[in-house]
Amino acid sequence: MTAPMRVLLVEDEALVLMQMEALVQDAGHEVVGSAMRQDEAIHLAQALRPDIVFLDLVL
């Protein structure tokens, strides 16, 4: 079995962000952070060093 990925979520719609968090967790991975703004996302990515980022490209 592989280790769960550490995931950072970036989405400016709160409901979509909550749905994404549930999907990631249901898939067995860990949400290490979430951001709704670009500057916040950059800070979290640098601080948390996630394995993968799910990013809304149109913030």
PDB file of N, CA and C in Angstrom:
ATOM      1  N   MET A   1       0.844  -1.192   0.000  1.00  0.00           N
ATOM      2  CA  MET A   1       0.000   0.000   0.000  1.00  0.00           C
ATOM      3  C   MET A   1       0.883   1.247   0.000  1.00  0.00           C
ATOM      4  N   THR A   2       0.529   2.224  -0.802  1.00  0.00           N
ATOM      5  CA  THR A   2       1.309   3.452  -0.876  1.00  0.00           C
ATOM      6  C   THR A   2       0.878   4.424   0.216  1.00  0.00           C
ATOM      7  N   ALA A   3       1.790   5.291   0.583  1.00  0.00           N
ATOM      8  CA  ALA A   3       1.508   6.296   1.613  1.00  0.00           C
ATOM      9  C   ALA A   3       0.561   7.352   1.046  1.00  0.00           C
ATOM     10  N   PRO A   4      -0.302   7.905   1.886  1.00  0.00           N
ATOM     11  CA  PRO A   4      -1.197   8.964   1.411  1.00  0.00           C
ATOM     12  C   PRO A   4      -0.402  10.209   1.008  1.00  0.00           C
ATOM     13  N   MET A   5      -0.896  10.884  -0.006  1.00  0.00           N
ATOM     14  CA  MET A   5      -0.254  12.123  -0.438  1.00  0.00           C
ATOM     15  C   MET A   5      -0.688  13.266   0.469  1.00  0.00           C
ATOM     16  N   ARG A   6       0.208  14.234   0.614  1.00  0.00           N
ATOM     17  CA  ARG A   6      -0.078  15.471   1.353  1.00  0.00           C
ATOM     18  C   ARG A   6      -0.525  16.499   0.316  1.00  0.00           C
ATOM     19  N   VAL A   7      -1.764  16.972   0.438  1.00  0.00           N
ATOM     20  CA  VAL A   7      -2.402  17.766  -0.606  1.00  0.00           C
ATOM     21  C   VAL A   7      -2.704  19.176  -0.124  1.00  0.00           C
ATOM     22  N   LEU A   8      -2.410  20.161  -0.968  1.00  0.00           N
ATOM     23  CA  LEU A   8      -2.812  21.548  -0.750  1.00  0.00           C
ATOM     24  C   LEU A   8      -3.904  21.868  -1.759  1.00  0.00           C
ATOM     25  N   LEU A   9      -5.007  22.428  -1.277  1.00  0.00           N
ATOM     26  CA  LEU A   9      -6.125  22.801  -2.145  1.00  0.00           C
ATOM     27  C   LEU A   9      -6.176  24.312  -2.296  1.00  0.00           C
ATOM     28  N   VAL A  10      -6.381  24.780  -3.534  1.00  0.00           N
ATOM     29  CA  VAL A  10      -6.499  26.210  -3.802  1.00  0.00           C
ATOM     30  C   VAL A  10      -7.750  26.426  -4.642  1.00  0.00           C
ATOM     31  N   GLU A  11      -8.740  27.083  -4.055  1.00  0.00           N
ATOM     32  CA  GLU A  11     -10.039  27.290  -4.709  1.00  0.00           C
ATOM     33  C   GLU A  11     -10.710  28.491  -4.057  1.00  0.00           C
ATOM     34  N   ASP A  12     -11.260  29.382  -4.865  1.00  0.00           N
ATOM     35  CA  ASP A  12     -11.877  30.590  -4.302  1.00  0.00           C
ATOM     36  C   ASP A  12     -13.373  30.439  -4.024  1.00  0.00           C
ATOM     37  N   GLU A  13     -13.954  29.320  -4.347  1.00  0.00           N
ATOM     38  CA  GLU A  13     -15.364  29.045  -4.030  1.00  0.00           C
ATOM     39  C   GLU A  13     -15.424  28.111  -2.826  1.00  0.00           C
ATOM     40  N   ALA A  14     -15.990  28.586  -1.716  1.00  0.00           N
ATOM     41  CA  ALA A  14     -15.975  27.835  -0.461  1.00  0.00           C
ATOM     42  C   ALA A  14     -16.633  26.462  -0.588  1.00  0.00           C
ATOM     43  N   LEU A  15     -17.766  26.377  -1.268  1.00  0.00           N
ATOM     44  CA  LEU A  15     -18.450  25.089  -1.396  1.00  0.00           C
ATOM     45  C   LEU A  15     -17.644  24.094  -2.222  1.00  0.00           C
ATOM     46  N   VAL A  16     -17.033  24.570  -3.279  1.00  0.00           N
ATOM     47  CA  VAL A  16     -16.195  23.701  -4.113  1.00  0.00           C
ATOM     48  C   VAL A  16     -14.986  23.242  -3.304  1.00  0.00           C
ATOM     49  N   LEU A  17     -14.414  24.142  -2.526  1.00  0.00           N
ATOM     50  CA  LEU A  17     -13.272  23.793  -1.687  1.00  0.00           C
ATOM     51  C   LEU A  17     -13.637  22.697  -0.691  1.00  0.00           C
ATOM     52  N   MET A  18     -14.790  22.802  -0.076  1.00  0.00           N
ATOM     53  CA  MET A  18     -15.234  21.775   0.869  1.00  0.00           C
ATOM     54  C   MET A  18     -15.445  20.435   0.178  1.00  0.00           C
ATOM     55  N   GLN A  19     -16.014  20.463  -1.036  1.00  0.00           N
ATOM     56  CA  GLN A  19     -16.210  19.229  -1.790  1.00  0.00           C
ATOM     57  C   GLN A  19     -14.880  18.595  -2.167  1.00  0.00           C
ATOM     58  N   MET A  20     -13.930  19.420  -2.593  1.00  0.00           N
ATOM     59  CA  MET A  20     -12.607  18.912  -2.945  1.00  0.00           C
ATOM     60  C   MET A  20     -11.932  18.271  -1.730  1.00  0.00           C
ATOM     61  N   GLU A  21     -12.049  18.912  -0.580  1.00  0.00           N
ATOM     62  CA  GLU A  21     -11.456  18.378   0.637  1.00  0.00           C
ATOM     63  C   GLU A  21     -12.037  17.000   0.971  1.00  0.00           C
ATOM     64  N   ALA A  22     -13.347  16.883   0.864  1.00  0.00           N
ATOM     65  CA  ALA A  22     -13.997  15.600   1.148  1.00  0.00           C
ATOM     66  C   ALA A  22     -13.544  14.525   0.159  1.00  0.00           C
ATOM     67  N   LEU A  23     -13.449  14.865  -1.119  1.00  0.00           N
ATOM     68  CA  LEU A  23     -13.017  13.898  -2.134  1.00  0.00           C
ATOM     69  C   LEU A  23     -11.587  13.418  -1.886  1.00  0.00           C
ATOM     70  N   VAL A  24     -10.706  14.349  -1.557  1.00  0.00           N
ATOM     71  CA  VAL A  24      -9.310  13.996  -1.305  1.00  0.00           C
ATOM     72  C   VAL A  24      -9.203  13.089  -0.087  1.00  0.00           C
ATOM     73  N   GLN A  25      -9.915  13.436   0.984  1.00  0.00           N
ATOM     74  CA  GLN A  25      -9.879  12.626   2.196  1.00  0.00           C
ATOM     75  C   GLN A  25     -10.514  11.262   1.974  1.00  0.00           C
ATOM     76  N   ASP A  26     -11.618  11.219   1.243  1.00  0.00           N
ATOM     77  CA  ASP A  26     -12.267   9.940   0.944  1.00  0.00           C
ATOM     78  C   ASP A  26     -11.359   9.029   0.123  1.00  0.00           C
ATOM     79  N   ALA A  27     -10.475   9.628  -0.654  1.00  0.00           N
ATOM     80  CA  ALA A  27      -9.529   8.845  -1.459  1.00  0.00           C
ATOM     81  C   ALA A  27      -8.337   8.377  -0.622  1.00  0.00           C
ATOM     82  N   GLY A  28      -8.310   8.759   0.653  1.00  0.00           N
ATOM     83  CA  GLY A  28      -7.266   8.285   1.550  1.00  0.00           C
ATOM     84  C   GLY A  28      -6.048   9.180   1.666  1.00  0.00           C
ATOM     85  N   HIS A  29      -6.161  10.413   1.212  1.00  0.00           N
ATOM     86  CA  HIS A  29      -5.032  11.340   1.261  1.00  0.00           C
ATOM     87  C   HIS A  29      -5.267  12.399   2.347  1.00  0.00           C
ATOM     88  N   GLU A  30      -4.223  13.138   2.665  1.00  0.00           N
ATOM     89  CA  GLU A  30      -4.275  14.135   3.735  1.00  0.00           C
ATOM     90  C   GLU A  30      -4.288  15.543   3.148  1.00  0.00           C
ATOM     91  N   VAL A  31      -5.284  16.337   3.508  1.00  0.00           N
ATOM     92  CA  VAL A  31      -5.312  17.752   3.130  1.00  0.00           C
ATOM     93  C   VAL A  31      -4.502  18.502   4.174  1.00  0.00           C
ATOM     94  N   VAL A  32      -3.339  19.009   3.774  1.00  0.00           N
ATOM     95  CA  VAL A  32      -2.466  19.705   4.718  1.00  0.00           C
ATOM     96  C   VAL A  32      -2.780  21.189   4.808  1.00  0.00           C
ATOM     97  N   GLY A  33      -3.534  21.706   3.842  1.00  0.00           N
ATOM     98  CA  GLY A  33      -3.905  23.114   3.868  1.00  0.00           C
ATOM     99  C   GLY A  33      -4.834  23.446   2.728  1.00  0.00           C
ATOM    100  N   SER A  34      -5.483  24.593   2.880  1.00  0.00           N
ATOM    101  CA  SER A  34      -6.349  25.093   1.806  1.00  0.00           C
ATOM    102  C   SER A  34      -6.255  26.603   1.778  1.00  0.00           C
ATOM    103  N   ALA A  35      -6.410  27.156   0.598  1.00  0.00           N
ATOM    104  CA  ALA A  35      -6.306  28.596   0.407  1.00  0.00           C
ATOM    105  C   ALA A  35      -7.373  29.061  -0.561  1.00  0.00           C
ATOM    106  N   MET A  36      -7.810  30.301  -0.347  1.00  0.00           N
ATOM    107  CA  MET A  36      -8.801  30.889  -1.245  1.00  0.00           C
ATOM    108  C   MET A  36      -8.235  32.076  -2.017  1.00  0.00           C
ATOM    109  N   ARG A  37      -6.968  32.424  -1.723  1.00  0.00           N
ATOM    110  CA  ARG A  37      -6.322  33.544  -2.414  1.00  0.00           C
ATOM    111  C   ARG A  37      -4.921  33.137  -2.867  1.00  0.00           C
ATOM    112  N   GLN A  38      -4.446  33.790  -3.906  1.00  0.00           N
ATOM    113  CA  GLN A  38      -3.150  33.464  -4.492  1.00  0.00           C
ATOM    114  C   GLN A  38      -2.009  33.643  -3.490  1.00  0.00           C
ATOM    115  N   ASP A  39      -1.962  34.757  -2.788  1.00  0.00           N
ATOM    116  CA  ASP A  39      -0.863  35.003  -1.854  1.00  0.00           C
ATOM    117  C   ASP A  39      -0.850  33.981  -0.718  1.00  0.00           C
ATOM    118  N   GLU A  40      -2.018  33.607  -0.253  1.00  0.00           N
ATOM    119  CA  GLU A  40      -2.144  32.599   0.784  1.00  0.00           C
ATOM    120  C   GLU A  40      -1.658  31.235   0.272  1.00  0.00           C
ATOM    121  N   ALA A  41      -2.004  30.916  -0.957  1.00  0.00           N
ATOM    122  CA  ALA A  41      -1.596  29.639  -1.548  1.00  0.00           C
ATOM    123  C   ALA A  41      -0.080  29.547  -1.669  1.00  0.00           C
ATOM    124  N   ILE A  42       0.551  30.615  -2.093  1.00  0.00           N
ATOM    125  CA  ILE A  42       2.012  30.626  -2.232  1.00  0.00           C
ATOM    126  C   ILE A  42       2.669  30.437  -0.871  1.00  0.00           C
ATOM    127  N   HIS A  43       2.189  31.150   0.126  1.00  0.00           N
ATOM    128  CA  HIS A  43       2.733  31.024   1.480  1.00  0.00           C
ATOM    129  C   HIS A  43       2.597  29.595   1.999  1.00  0.00           C
ATOM    130  N   LEU A  44       1.402  29.014   1.852  1.00  0.00           N
ATOM    131  CA  LEU A  44       1.175  27.648   2.338  1.00  0.00           C
ATOM    132  C   LEU A  44       2.021  26.621   1.596  1.00  0.00           C
ATOM    133  N   ALA A  45       2.163  26.793   0.289  1.00  0.00           N
ATOM    134  CA  ALA A  45       2.969  25.857  -0.497  1.00  0.00           C
ATOM    135  C   ALA A  45       4.428  25.888  -0.036  1.00  0.00           C
ATOM    136  N   GLN A  46       4.946  27.066   0.237  1.00  0.00           N
ATOM    137  CA  GLN A  46       6.326  27.186   0.698  1.00  0.00           C
ATOM    138  C   GLN A  46       6.492  26.623   2.104  1.00  0.00           C
ATOM    139  N   ALA A  47       5.512  26.866   2.961  1.00  0.00           N
ATOM    140  CA  ALA A  47       5.612  26.444   4.357  1.00  0.00           C
ATOM    141  C   ALA A  47       5.338  24.948   4.540  1.00  0.00           C
ATOM    142  N   LEU A  48       4.363  24.416   3.805  1.00  0.00           N
ATOM    143  CA  LEU A  48       3.915  23.041   4.036  1.00  0.00           C
ATOM    144  C   LEU A  48       4.575  22.014   3.137  1.00  0.00           C
ATOM    145  N   ARG A  49       5.116  22.453   1.988  1.00  0.00           N
ATOM    146  CA  ARG A  49       5.757  21.551   1.035  1.00  0.00           C
ATOM    147  C   ARG A  49       4.900  20.330   0.716  1.00  0.00           C
ATOM    148  N   PRO A  50       3.670  20.535   0.193  1.00  0.00           N
ATOM    149  CA  PRO A  50       2.786  19.401  -0.111  1.00  0.00           C
ATOM    150  C   PRO A  50       3.344  18.561  -1.253  1.00  0.00           C
ATOM    151  N   ASP A  51       2.845  17.325  -1.332  1.00  0.00           N
ATOM    152  CA  ASP A  51       3.233  16.452  -2.442  1.00  0.00           C
ATOM    153  C   ASP A  51       2.578  16.893  -3.743  1.00  0.00           C
ATOM    154  N   ILE A  52       1.359  17.446  -3.634  1.00  0.00           N
ATOM    155  CA  ILE A  52       0.599  17.849  -4.818  1.00  0.00           C
ATOM    156  C   ILE A  52      -0.308  19.018  -4.440  1.00  0.00           C
ATOM    157  N   VAL A  53      -0.602  19.861  -5.428  1.00  0.00           N
ATOM    158  CA  VAL A  53      -1.512  20.987  -5.239  1.00  0.00           C
ATOM    159  C   VAL A  53      -2.632  20.862  -6.255  1.00  0.00           C
ATOM    160  N   PHE A  54      -3.879  20.907  -5.783  1.00  0.00           N
ATOM    161  CA  PHE A  54      -5.028  21.019  -6.672  1.00  0.00           C
ATOM    162  C   PHE A  54      -5.384  22.486  -6.720  1.00  0.00           C
ATOM    163  N   LEU A  55      -5.279  23.099  -7.904  1.00  0.00           N
ATOM    164  CA  LEU A  55      -5.297  24.541  -8.059  1.00  0.00           C
ATOM    165  C   LEU A  55      -6.376  24.987  -9.043  1.00  0.00           C
ATOM    166  N   ASP A  56      -7.192  25.928  -8.598  1.00  0.00           N
ATOM    167  CA  ASP A  56      -8.122  26.607  -9.494  1.00  0.00           C
ATOM    168  C   ASP A  56      -7.305  27.621 -10.281  1.00  0.00           C
ATOM    169  N   LEU A  57      -7.230  27.451 -11.587  1.00  0.00           N
ATOM    170  CA  LEU A  57      -6.390  28.334 -12.404  1.00  0.00           C
ATOM    171  C   LEU A  57      -6.990  29.716 -12.620  1.00  0.00           C
ATOM    172  N   VAL A  58      -8.279  29.880 -12.370  1.00  0.00           N
ATOM    173  CA  VAL A  58      -8.918  31.182 -12.577  1.00  0.00           C
ATOM    174  C   VAL A  58      -9.409  31.690 -11.226  1.00  0.00           C
ATOM    175  N   LEU A  59      -8.470  32.238 -10.442  1.00  0.00           N
ATOM    176  CA  LEU A  59      -8.830  32.801  -9.135  1.00  0.00           C
ATOM    177  C   LEU A  59      -9.265  34.234  -9.277  1.00  0.00           C
TER     178      LEU A  59
END
